């Protein structure tokens, strides 16, 4: 049995690697074209043009987490988030009521 010369083995190895790389690039390009041809799905939620101020967002978040904390009294993460929001609002507005609510 005769063995192949080393330079030929090296050339075949380089050719095999190059062929694998080219095939991979062609497959990836084909996948991109397929994705580009797909129609875009409709959005799940219609976004409005309403812009809320930071305090309005915080008040809405407080209402949301207060409702969640009331519905599930065992939810520590909801209560912690509510307390954090109330502390922030009390620090900004100087409200002792918010501070007392956050501590309870």
N, C-alpha and C. Protein backbone atom coordinates (compact mmCIF):
# COMPACT_ATOMS: atom_id res chain seq x y z
N UNK A 1 0.84 -1.17 0.00
CA UNK A 1 0.00 0.00 0.00
C UNK A 1 0.88 1.24 0.00
N UNK A 2 0.55 2.15 -0.84
CA UNK A 2 1.35 3.36 -1.02
C UNK A 2 0.71 4.53 -0.29
N UNK A 3 1.48 5.35 0.42
CA UNK A 3 0.95 6.52 1.11
C UNK A 3 1.07 7.75 0.23
N UNK A 4 0.21 8.70 0.50
CA UNK A 4 0.23 9.95 -0.26
C UNK A 4 1.35 10.86 0.27
N UNK A 5 1.94 11.64 -0.61
CA UNK A 5 2.98 12.56 -0.15
C UNK A 5 2.39 13.62 0.79
N UNK A 6 3.21 14.08 1.73
CA UNK A 6 2.76 15.06 2.72
C UNK A 6 2.19 16.34 2.09
N UNK A 7 2.82 16.92 1.09
CA UNK A 7 2.24 18.14 0.51
C UNK A 7 0.84 17.92 -0.06
N UNK A 8 0.60 16.75 -0.62
CA UNK A 8 -0.72 16.45 -1.16
C UNK A 8 -1.75 16.31 -0.03
N UNK A 9 -1.37 15.69 1.06
CA UNK A 9 -2.27 15.56 2.21
C UNK A 9 -2.60 16.94 2.76
N UNK A 10 -1.60 17.81 2.88
CA UNK A 10 -1.84 19.17 3.36
C UNK A 10 -2.76 19.95 2.44
N UNK A 11 -2.56 19.80 1.14
CA UNK A 11 -3.40 20.51 0.17
C UNK A 11 -4.84 20.02 0.24
N UNK A 12 -5.02 18.70 0.37
CA UNK A 12 -6.37 18.15 0.49
C UNK A 12 -7.05 18.62 1.78
N UNK A 13 -6.28 18.71 2.84
CA UNK A 13 -6.83 19.18 4.10
C UNK A 13 -7.27 20.64 3.98
N UNK A 14 -6.45 21.49 3.42
CA UNK A 14 -6.80 22.90 3.23
C UNK A 14 -8.01 23.03 2.31
N UNK A 15 -8.05 22.23 1.26
CA UNK A 15 -9.18 22.26 0.34
C UNK A 15 -10.47 21.85 1.06
N UNK A 16 -10.41 20.83 1.90
CA UNK A 16 -11.58 20.37 2.64
C UNK A 16 -12.10 21.43 3.60
N UNK A 17 -11.17 22.10 4.30
CA UNK A 17 -11.57 23.16 5.23
C UNK A 17 -12.20 24.32 4.46
N UNK A 18 -11.59 24.71 3.36
CA UNK A 18 -12.13 25.82 2.56
C UNK A 18 -13.51 25.46 2.01
N UNK A 19 -13.67 24.24 1.57
CA UNK A 19 -14.96 23.80 1.03
C UNK A 19 -16.03 23.83 2.12
N UNK A 20 -15.68 23.42 3.33
CA UNK A 20 -16.62 23.44 4.45
C UNK A 20 -17.03 24.87 4.78
N UNK A 21 -16.07 25.79 4.79
CA UNK A 21 -16.37 27.19 5.09
C UNK A 21 -17.29 27.78 4.03
N UNK A 22 -17.00 27.54 2.77
CA UNK A 22 -17.83 28.07 1.69
C UNK A 22 -19.24 27.50 1.76
N UNK A 23 -19.37 26.21 2.03
CA UNK A 23 -20.69 25.60 2.13
C UNK A 23 -21.48 26.20 3.29
N UNK A 24 -20.81 26.44 4.41
CA UNK A 24 -21.47 27.06 5.55
C UNK A 24 -21.94 28.47 5.25
N UNK A 25 -21.11 29.24 4.57
CA UNK A 25 -21.49 30.61 4.21
C UNK A 25 -22.66 30.62 3.24
N UNK A 26 -22.66 29.72 2.31
CA UNK A 26 -23.77 29.65 1.35
C UNK A 26 -25.07 29.25 2.04
N UNK A 27 -24.99 28.32 2.99
CA UNK A 27 -26.19 27.90 3.71
C UNK A 27 -26.73 29.05 4.56
N UNK A 28 -25.84 29.80 5.20
CA UNK A 28 -26.27 30.93 6.03
C UNK A 28 -26.91 32.01 5.17
N UNK A 29 -26.34 32.24 3.99
CA UNK A 29 -26.91 33.24 3.08
C UNK A 29 -28.30 32.80 2.61
N UNK A 30 -28.47 31.52 2.36
CA UNK A 30 -29.78 31.01 1.96
C UNK A 30 -30.81 31.18 3.06
N UNK A 31 -30.39 30.97 4.32
CA UNK A 31 -31.32 31.15 5.43
C UNK A 31 -31.72 32.62 5.56
N UNK A 32 -30.77 33.53 5.34
CA UNK A 32 -31.09 34.96 5.40
C UNK A 32 -32.12 35.33 4.34
N UNK A 33 -31.94 34.80 3.15
CA UNK A 33 -32.89 35.10 2.07
C UNK A 33 -34.28 34.56 2.40
N UNK A 34 -34.34 33.37 2.99
CA UNK A 34 -35.63 32.80 3.36
C UNK A 34 -36.31 33.66 4.42
N UNK A 35 -35.54 34.12 5.43
CA UNK A 35 -36.11 34.97 6.47
C UNK A 35 -36.57 36.30 5.90
N UNK A 36 -35.82 36.85 4.94
CA UNK A 36 -36.19 38.13 4.35
C UNK A 36 -37.47 38.01 3.53
N UNK A 37 -37.73 36.82 2.99
CA UNK A 37 -38.92 36.63 2.17
C UNK A 37 -40.19 36.44 3.01
N UNK A 38 -40.03 36.14 4.30
CA UNK A 38 -41.21 35.93 5.14
C UNK A 38 -41.92 37.26 5.41
N UNK A 39 -43.24 37.25 5.42
CA UNK A 39 -43.96 38.49 5.74
C UNK A 39 -43.80 38.83 7.22
N UNK A 40 -43.79 40.11 7.51
CA UNK A 40 -43.67 40.56 8.89
C UNK A 40 -45.01 40.34 9.60
N UNK A 41 -45.00 39.75 10.80
CA UNK A 41 -46.25 39.55 11.51
C UNK A 41 -46.79 40.87 12.06
N UNK A 42 -48.08 40.91 12.25
CA UNK A 42 -48.70 42.11 12.81
C UNK A 42 -48.31 42.22 14.28
N UNK A 43 -48.15 43.43 14.80
CA UNK A 43 -47.79 43.58 16.20
C UNK A 43 -48.90 43.06 17.11
N UNK A 44 -48.51 42.51 18.26
CA UNK A 44 -49.49 41.98 19.19
C UNK A 44 -50.24 43.08 19.92
N UNK A 45 -49.55 44.19 20.15
CA UNK A 45 -50.15 45.30 20.89
C UNK A 45 -50.04 46.55 20.05
N UNK A 46 -51.13 47.26 19.93
CA UNK A 46 -51.09 48.53 19.20
C UNK A 46 -50.53 49.60 20.14
N UNK A 47 -49.43 50.21 19.75
CA UNK A 47 -48.81 51.24 20.57
C UNK A 47 -49.50 52.57 20.34
N UNK A 48 -49.65 53.33 21.40
CA UNK A 48 -50.28 54.64 21.29
C UNK A 48 -49.21 55.72 21.27
N UNK A 49 -49.62 56.91 20.91
CA UNK A 49 -48.70 58.03 20.87
C UNK A 49 -48.69 58.81 22.18
N UNK A 50 -49.34 58.26 23.21
CA UNK A 50 -49.42 58.94 24.50
C UNK A 50 -48.06 58.91 25.17
N UNK A 51 -47.64 60.06 25.64
CA UNK A 51 -46.36 60.16 26.33
C UNK A 51 -46.64 60.45 27.79
N UNK A 52 -46.11 59.61 28.66
CA UNK A 52 -46.30 59.78 30.10
C UNK A 52 -45.05 60.41 30.71
N UNK A 53 -45.28 61.23 31.72
CA UNK A 53 -44.15 61.79 32.46
C UNK A 53 -43.63 60.72 33.42
N UNK A 54 -42.47 60.97 33.97
CA UNK A 54 -41.87 60.01 34.88
C UNK A 54 -42.75 59.79 36.12
N UNK A 55 -43.35 60.87 36.63
CA UNK A 55 -44.20 60.73 37.81
C UNK A 55 -45.48 59.96 37.48
N UNK A 56 -46.03 60.14 36.27
CA UNK A 56 -47.22 59.38 35.88
C UNK A 56 -46.91 57.89 35.76
N UNK A 57 -45.75 57.59 35.21
CA UNK A 57 -45.35 56.18 35.10
C UNK A 57 -45.17 55.59 36.49
N UNK A 58 -44.51 56.32 37.38
CA UNK A 58 -44.31 55.84 38.74
C UNK A 58 -45.65 55.63 39.45
N UNK A 59 -46.59 56.57 39.30
CA UNK A 59 -47.91 56.43 39.93
C UNK A 59 -48.65 55.21 39.39
N UNK A 60 -48.56 55.00 38.10
CA UNK A 60 -49.20 53.82 37.50
C UNK A 60 -48.55 52.53 38.01
N UNK A 61 -47.22 52.56 38.13
CA UNK A 61 -46.52 51.39 38.67
C UNK A 61 -46.92 51.12 40.12
N UNK A 62 -47.05 52.19 40.90
CA UNK A 62 -47.47 52.02 42.30
C UNK A 62 -48.86 51.42 42.36
N UNK A 63 -49.78 51.91 41.55
CA UNK A 63 -51.14 51.34 41.51
C UNK A 63 -51.11 49.86 41.12
N UNK A 64 -50.30 49.54 40.13
CA UNK A 64 -50.20 48.16 39.64
C UNK A 64 -49.66 47.24 40.73
N UNK A 65 -48.54 47.62 41.35
CA UNK A 65 -47.95 46.75 42.36
C UNK A 65 -48.75 46.73 43.65
N UNK A 66 -49.46 47.80 43.97
CA UNK A 66 -50.36 47.78 45.14
C UNK A 66 -51.48 46.77 44.91
N UNK A 67 -52.01 46.75 43.70
CA UNK A 67 -53.07 45.79 43.36
C UNK A 67 -52.54 44.36 43.42
N UNK A 68 -51.34 44.14 42.89
CA UNK A 68 -50.75 42.80 42.91
C UNK A 68 -50.44 42.35 44.34
N UNK A 69 -49.91 43.26 45.14
CA UNK A 69 -49.58 42.92 46.53
C UNK A 69 -50.85 42.63 47.33
N UNK A 70 -51.93 43.30 47.01
CA UNK A 70 -53.20 43.05 47.69
C UNK A 70 -53.79 41.69 47.27
N UNK A 71 -53.65 41.36 45.99
CA UNK A 71 -54.19 40.09 45.49
C UNK A 71 -53.41 38.89 45.99
N UNK A 72 -52.08 39.03 46.12
CA UNK A 72 -51.24 37.92 46.56
C UNK A 72 -50.36 38.42 47.70
N UNK A 73 -50.83 38.22 48.90
CA UNK A 73 -50.12 38.76 50.07
C UNK A 73 -48.81 38.03 50.35
N UNK A 74 -48.57 36.90 49.71
CA UNK A 74 -47.33 36.14 49.91
C UNK A 74 -46.22 36.55 48.95
N UNK A 75 -46.52 37.42 47.99
CA UNK A 75 -45.55 37.81 46.97
C UNK A 75 -44.58 38.86 47.52
N UNK A 76 -43.41 38.39 47.91
CA UNK A 76 -42.41 39.30 48.48
C UNK A 76 -41.84 40.24 47.42
N UNK A 77 -41.69 39.76 46.19
CA UNK A 77 -41.11 40.62 45.15
C UNK A 77 -42.04 41.79 44.81
N UNK A 78 -43.35 41.54 44.78
CA UNK A 78 -44.29 42.63 44.51
C UNK A 78 -44.29 43.65 45.65
N UNK A 79 -44.24 43.17 46.87
CA UNK A 79 -44.22 44.08 48.02
C UNK A 79 -42.93 44.89 48.06
N UNK A 80 -41.81 44.24 47.72
CA UNK A 80 -40.53 44.95 47.68
C UNK A 80 -40.53 46.03 46.59
N UNK A 81 -41.04 45.70 45.42
CA UNK A 81 -41.11 46.67 44.33
C UNK A 81 -42.01 47.84 44.70
N UNK A 82 -43.14 47.54 45.32
CA UNK A 82 -44.05 48.59 45.76
C UNK A 82 -43.38 49.50 46.79
N UNK A 83 -42.69 48.92 47.76
CA UNK A 83 -42.00 49.72 48.78
C UNK A 83 -40.92 50.59 48.15
N UNK A 84 -40.19 50.05 47.18
CA UNK A 84 -39.15 50.82 46.49
C UNK A 84 -39.76 52.02 45.77
N UNK A 85 -40.85 51.80 45.06
CA UNK A 85 -41.51 52.89 44.34
C UNK A 85 -42.06 53.94 45.31
N UNK A 86 -42.62 53.50 46.42
CA UNK A 86 -43.15 54.45 47.41
C UNK A 86 -42.01 55.25 48.05
N UNK A 87 -40.89 54.61 48.34
CA UNK A 87 -39.73 55.33 48.88
C UNK A 87 -39.25 56.40 47.91
N UNK A 88 -39.18 56.04 46.63
CA UNK A 88 -38.74 57.02 45.62
C UNK A 88 -39.69 58.21 45.57
N UNK A 89 -41.00 57.90 45.55
CA UNK A 89 -41.98 58.99 45.47
C UNK A 89 -41.94 59.86 46.73
N UNK A 90 -41.74 59.24 47.89
CA UNK A 90 -41.67 60.03 49.13
C UNK A 90 -40.42 60.90 49.15
N UNK A 91 -39.32 60.41 48.61
CA UNK A 91 -38.10 61.20 48.57
C UNK A 91 -38.24 62.38 47.61
N UNK A 92 -38.90 62.17 46.48
CA UNK A 92 -39.07 63.24 45.49
C UNK A 92 -40.09 64.26 45.96
N UNK A 93 -41.24 63.77 46.46
CA UNK A 93 -42.32 64.69 46.84
C UNK A 93 -42.26 65.12 48.29
N UNK A 94 -41.43 64.44 49.10
CA UNK A 94 -41.38 64.78 50.51
C UNK A 94 -42.62 64.34 51.26
N UNK A 95 -43.23 63.25 50.81
CA UNK A 95 -44.50 62.78 51.38
C UNK A 95 -44.24 61.80 52.53
N UNK A 96 -44.73 62.16 53.72
CA UNK A 96 -44.62 61.25 54.87
C UNK A 96 -45.59 60.09 54.73
N UNK A 97 -46.69 60.30 54.03
CA UNK A 97 -47.68 59.23 53.82
C UNK A 97 -47.09 58.08 53.01
N UNK A 98 -46.38 58.43 51.92
CA UNK A 98 -45.74 57.40 51.10
C UNK A 98 -44.68 56.66 51.91
N UNK A 99 -43.95 57.38 52.73
CA UNK A 99 -42.91 56.75 53.55
C UNK A 99 -43.53 55.77 54.54
N UNK A 100 -44.63 56.17 55.15
CA UNK A 100 -45.32 55.28 56.10
C UNK A 100 -45.88 54.06 55.38
N UNK A 101 -46.41 54.24 54.18
CA UNK A 101 -46.94 53.10 53.41
C UNK A 101 -45.81 52.16 53.03
N UNK A 102 -44.67 52.70 52.65
CA UNK A 102 -43.54 51.86 52.24
C UNK A 102 -43.03 51.03 53.41
N UNK A 103 -43.07 51.59 54.59
CA UNK A 103 -42.56 50.87 55.76
C UNK A 103 -43.53 49.82 56.27
N UNK A 104 -44.79 49.93 55.91
CA UNK A 104 -45.77 48.95 56.43
C UNK A 104 -45.84 47.70 55.57
